[in-house]
Amino acid sequence: MTTLTSTKADDIALALEQAIVSGEVAPGTVLRQEQLSERYAVSRTPIREALRRLAALGLVSFEPNRGVRVRTLTGVELREAFLVRAELESLATEIAAGKITPADLDELEAAENRFARLTDDLRRRRAAADGGDRNRLVTDWVRANHAFHDVIYRVAGMPLIERMAKSARFSGSAVWAPADASELDELYRANERQHRAIIGALAAGSAAGARSLAREHVLASGNLLERILAQAAAR
């Protein structure tokens, strides 16, 4: 698959994931490739890849002769996805600790600085932004968070672990942008602290410390997302 096709698949998968987890696309909805191809003005190749990624997340299922159907995301499945990602991502971070160079640390620092700038931007603009603006801002924030971890995956150089961990990512921006500002601020503060701690452990060459911090970071994000979803369901 070309890089351009892969990038298109990434963008389409993220957009569909947002629509599904936010409730815009209801459980049971059939996603037809020809309609999605027209909607996103692309060929069916990136559409098929995007749908495969959603299936790996458990958000859709392929049904013979019926197409792709949106599944109901259960709390148990969500918890399992974060448990899997926590173990794999912490392993990749541990491996990276033994390989990371000063240039890699500079790249990781730059990724974290961009993430921090987007965090500050969201804090300043959240009150004034409408729902669509907020979701677009959080989409950029989610991607910046992924970019931080992608540096670690690249340094670790374990492509199978990377693919498996990324298949368990849950990045729906609409979910990460709840109406309750205190919940979102907690997520911001925790992510900044945890990212900085991971950088510190990697810079010190502490494999055990980096692994423990990475695992804590992923599980904390999962626990917060469960609270946000429970809050949304209670409204």
Protein backbone atom coordinates (compact mmCIF):
# COMPACT_ATOMS: atom_id res chain seq x y z
CA MET A 1 0.00 0.00 0.00
CA THR A 2 1.35 3.46 -0.87
CA THR A 3 1.96 6.07 1.80
CA LEU A 4 -0.76 8.29 0.31
CA THR A 5 -3.33 5.49 0.40
CA SER A 6 -2.31 4.60 3.95
CA THR A 7 -2.68 8.25 5.03
CA LYS A 8 -6.13 8.46 3.45
CA ALA A 9 -7.11 5.24 5.22
CA ASP A 10 -5.89 6.71 8.53
CA ASP A 11 -7.97 9.87 8.04
CA ILE A 12 -11.10 7.97 7.00
CA ALA A 13 -10.76 5.46 9.85
CA LEU A 14 -10.43 8.30 12.35
CA ALA A 15 -13.44 10.16 10.94
CA LEU A 16 -15.61 7.03 10.99
CA GLU A 17 -14.41 6.12 14.47
CA GLN A 18 -15.46 9.55 15.72
CA ALA A 19 -18.87 9.19 14.13
CA ILE A 20 -19.40 5.75 15.64
CA VAL A 21 -18.25 6.42 19.19
CA SER A 22 -20.09 9.77 19.33
CA GLY A 23 -23.35 8.12 18.29
CA GLU A 24 -23.59 9.99 15.00
CA VAL A 25 -23.57 6.58 13.28
CA ALA A 26 -25.82 4.27 15.28
CA PRO A 27 -25.10 0.63 16.17
CA GLY A 28 -26.50 -1.67 13.51
CA THR A 29 -25.86 0.78 10.68
CA VAL A 30 -24.51 -0.89 7.53
CA LEU A 31 -21.49 0.92 6.05
CA ARG A 32 -21.40 0.47 2.29
CA GLN A 33 -18.08 0.86 0.53
CA GLU A 34 -19.52 2.54 -2.55
CA GLN A 35 -21.27 5.19 -0.46
CA LEU A 36 -18.18 5.83 1.65
CA SER A 37 -16.07 6.05 -1.50
CA GLU A 38 -18.36 8.79 -2.82
CA ARG A 39 -18.54 10.56 0.53
CA TYR A 40 -14.78 10.81 0.96
CA ALA A 41 -14.01 11.14 -2.78
CA VAL A 42 -11.53 8.27 -2.79
CA SER A 43 -11.25 4.83 -4.36
CA ARG A 44 -12.43 1.76 -2.50
CA THR A 45 -8.87 0.73 -1.57
CA PRO A 46 -8.44 3.20 1.36
CA ILE A 47 -12.09 2.60 2.32
CA ARG A 48 -11.47 -1.15 2.67
CA GLU A 49 -8.32 -0.50 4.70
CA ALA A 50 -10.13 1.97 6.96
CA LEU A 51 -12.92 -0.56 7.57
CA ARG A 52 -10.37 -3.26 8.39
CA ARG A 53 -8.87 -0.94 11.00
CA LEU A 54 -12.28 -0.29 12.52
CA ALA A 55 -12.89 -4.04 12.61
CA ALA A 56 -9.59 -4.51 14.45
CA LEU A 57 -10.85 -2.03 17.05
CA GLY A 58 -14.09 -4.00 17.38
CA LEU A 59 -16.20 -1.09 16.14
CA VAL A 60 -17.55 -2.85 13.04
CA SER A 61 -18.00 -6.41 11.84
CA PHE A 62 -17.86 -7.87 8.34
CA GLU A 63 -21.01 -9.84 7.56
CA PRO A 64 -21.13 -12.15 4.51
CA ASN A 65 -23.38 -10.77 1.76
CA ARG A 66 -24.48 -7.88 3.97
CA GLY A 67 -21.48 -5.57 4.14
CA VAL A 68 -19.94 -3.97 7.20
CA ARG A 69 -22.13 -3.34 10.23
CA VAL A 70 -21.46 -1.00 13.17
CA ARG A 71 -21.19 -2.92 16.42
CA THR A 72 -22.13 -1.84 19.92
CA LEU A 73 -18.96 -1.02 21.86
CA THR A 74 -19.19 -2.68 25.27
CA GLY A 75 -17.35 -1.60 28.38
CA VAL A 76 -15.68 -5.01 28.60
CA GLU A 77 -14.29 -4.73 25.06
CA LEU A 78 -13.04 -1.22 25.70
CA ARG A 79 -11.29 -2.31 28.89
CA GLU A 80 -9.67 -5.26 27.14
CA ALA A 81 -8.39 -3.02 24.34
CA PHE A 82 -6.65 -0.74 26.82
CA LEU A 83 -5.21 -3.69 28.75
CA VAL A 84 -3.72 -5.11 25.55
CA ARG A 85 -2.36 -1.75 24.46
CA ALA A 86 -0.89 -1.07 27.92
CA GLU A 87 1.15 -4.27 27.86
CA LEU A 88 2.36 -3.89 24.28
CA GLU A 89 3.11 -0.19 24.48
CA SER A 90 4.98 -0.58 27.75
CA LEU A 91 7.06 -3.37 26.18
CA ALA A 92 7.92 -1.15 23.20
CA THR A 93 8.89 1.67 25.56
CA GLU A 94 11.12 -0.67 27.57
CA ILE A 95 12.90 -1.79 24.40
CA ALA A 96 13.27 1.82 23.22
CA ALA A 97 15.06 2.73 26.46
CA GLY A 98 18.04 0.63 25.40
CA LYS A 99 18.21 2.10 21.90
CA ILE A 100 17.27 5.76 22.18
CA THR A 101 19.81 8.39 21.07
CA PRO A 102 20.11 12.11 21.86
CA ALA A 103 18.62 12.85 18.42
CA ASP A 104 15.66 10.57 19.20
CA LEU A 105 15.14 12.33 22.52
CA ASP A 106 15.12 15.69 20.71
CA GLU A 107 12.45 14.34 18.34
CA LEU A 108 10.42 13.03 21.28
CA GLU A 109 10.75 16.37 23.06
CA ALA A 110 9.58 18.20 19.93
CA ALA A 111 6.55 15.90 19.65
CA GLU A 112 5.68 16.51 23.29
CA ASN A 113 6.09 20.28 22.88
CA ARG A 114 3.62 20.25 19.98
CA PHE A 115 1.23 18.17 22.07
CA ALA A 116 1.58 20.64 24.95
CA ARG A 117 0.92 23.62 22.63
CA LEU A 118 -2.26 21.97 21.37
CA THR A 119 -3.26 21.27 24.95
CA ASP A 120 -2.88 24.95 25.84
CA ASP A 121 -4.78 25.94 22.69
CA LEU A 122 -7.67 23.70 23.65
CA ARG A 123 -7.75 25.08 27.18
CA ARG A 124 -7.90 28.64 25.89
CA ARG A 125 -10.40 28.05 23.10
CA ARG A 126 -12.71 25.41 24.55
CA ALA A 127 -15.16 27.82 26.14
CA ALA A 128 -15.57 29.84 22.93
CA ALA A 129 -15.55 26.95 20.45
CA ASP A 130 -18.71 25.24 19.24
CA GLY A 131 -18.97 21.46 19.22
CA GLY A 132 -17.55 21.06 15.73
CA ASP A 133 -14.59 23.33 16.44
CA ARG A 134 -13.90 21.52 19.69
CA ASN A 135 -13.88 18.14 17.97
CA ARG A 136 -11.54 19.39 15.25
CA LEU A 137 -9.16 20.74 17.88
CA VAL A 138 -9.26 17.50 19.81
CA THR A 139 -8.62 15.55 16.59
CA ASP A 140 -5.33 17.45 16.23
CA TRP A 141 -4.61 16.82 19.92
CA VAL A 142 -5.22 13.07 19.52
CA ARG A 143 -2.93 12.91 16.50
CA ALA A 144 -0.21 14.82 18.37
CA ASN A 145 -0.50 12.31 21.20
CA HIS A 146 -0.11 9.45 18.73
CA ALA A 147 2.91 11.20 17.17
CA PHE A 148 4.63 11.21 20.57
CA HIS A 149 4.19 7.45 20.95
CA ASP A 150 5.08 6.83 17.31
CA VAL A 151 8.60 8.14 18.00
CA ILE A 152 8.97 5.48 20.69
CA TYR A 153 7.68 2.74 18.38
CA ARG A 154 10.16 3.79 15.70
CA VAL A 155 13.06 3.70 18.14
CA ALA A 156 11.99 0.31 19.51
CA GLY A 157 12.03 -1.10 15.98
CA MET A 158 9.50 -3.86 16.73
CA PRO A 159 6.97 -3.63 13.87
CA LEU A 160 4.74 -6.52 14.99
CA ILE A 161 4.38 -5.10 18.49
CA GLU A 162 3.71 -1.68 16.98
CA ARG A 163 0.96 -2.96 14.65
CA MET A 164 -0.74 -4.90 17.41
CA ALA A 165 -0.62 -2.00 19.86
CA LYS A 166 -1.92 0.50 17.32
CA SER A 167 -4.83 -1.79 16.47
CA ALA A 168 -5.99 -1.30 20.08
CA ARG A 169 -5.87 2.50 19.97
CA PHE A 170 -9.13 4.22 20.75
CA SER A 171 -8.95 7.78 19.47
CA GLY A 172 -12.47 9.04 18.88
CA SER A 173 -12.12 12.80 19.26
CA ALA A 174 -15.79 13.33 20.00
CA VAL A 175 -15.45 11.11 23.06
CA TRP A 176 -12.27 12.81 24.26
CA ALA A 177 -14.08 16.18 24.20
CA PRO A 178 -16.77 15.85 26.90
CA ALA A 179 -18.91 18.74 28.01
CA ASP A 180 -17.57 18.41 31.55
CA ALA A 181 -14.44 20.60 31.50
CA SER A 182 -13.06 19.10 34.71
CA GLU A 183 -12.87 15.66 33.09
CA LEU A 184 -11.03 17.01 30.05
CA ASP A 185 -8.65 19.09 32.17
CA GLU A 186 -7.82 16.00 34.22
CA LEU A 187 -6.94 14.15 31.02
CA TYR A 188 -4.75 17.04 29.87
CA ARG A 189 -2.85 17.30 33.14
CA ALA A 190 -2.32 13.56 33.45
CA ASN A 191 -1.07 13.16 29.89
CA GLU A 192 1.42 16.01 30.19
CA ARG A 193 2.83 14.67 33.47
CA GLN A 194 3.04 11.12 32.17
CA HIS A 195 4.68 12.09 28.87
CA ARG A 196 7.32 14.11 30.71
CA ALA A 197 7.96 11.24 33.10
CA ILE A 198 8.39 8.80 30.19
CA ILE A 199 10.88 11.15 28.49
CA GLY A 200 12.82 11.37 31.75
CA ALA A 201 13.00 7.60 32.14
CA LEU A 202 14.10 7.12 28.53
CA ALA A 203 16.75 9.83 28.87
CA ALA A 204 18.06 8.08 31.99
CA GLY A 205 18.14 4.73 30.19
CA SER A 206 15.79 3.23 32.77
CA ALA A 207 14.10 0.38 30.91
CA ALA A 208 12.07 -0.78 33.92
CA GLY A 209 11.00 2.74 34.78
CA ALA A 210 10.02 3.55 31.19
CA ARG A 211 7.95 0.37 30.95
CA SER A 212 6.13 1.01 34.22
CA LEU A 213 5.37 4.63 33.34
CA ALA A 214 4.11 3.75 29.85
CA ARG A 215 1.79 1.09 31.24
CA GLU A 216 0.45 3.49 33.87
CA HIS A 217 -0.09 6.13 31.18
CA VAL A 218 -2.20 3.90 28.91
CA LEU A 219 -4.28 2.46 31.76
CA ALA A 220 -4.95 5.95 33.16
CA SER A 221 -6.26 7.05 29.76
CA GLY A 222 -8.48 3.97 29.61
CA ASN A 223 -9.90 4.56 33.09
CA LEU A 224 -10.70 8.17 32.25
CA LEU A 225 -12.39 7.24 28.99
CA GLU A 226 -14.60 4.78 30.85
CA ARG A 227 -15.68 7.59 33.20
CA ILE A 228 -16.39 9.92 30.28
CA LEU A 229 -18.53 7.29 28.52
CA ALA A 230 -20.40 6.53 31.74
CA GLN A 231 -21.04 10.25 32.20
CA ALA A 232 -22.33 10.57 28.64
CA ALA A 233 -24.63 7.54 29.07
CA ALA A 234 -26.15 9.09 32.24
CA ARG A 235 -27.21 12.29 30.46
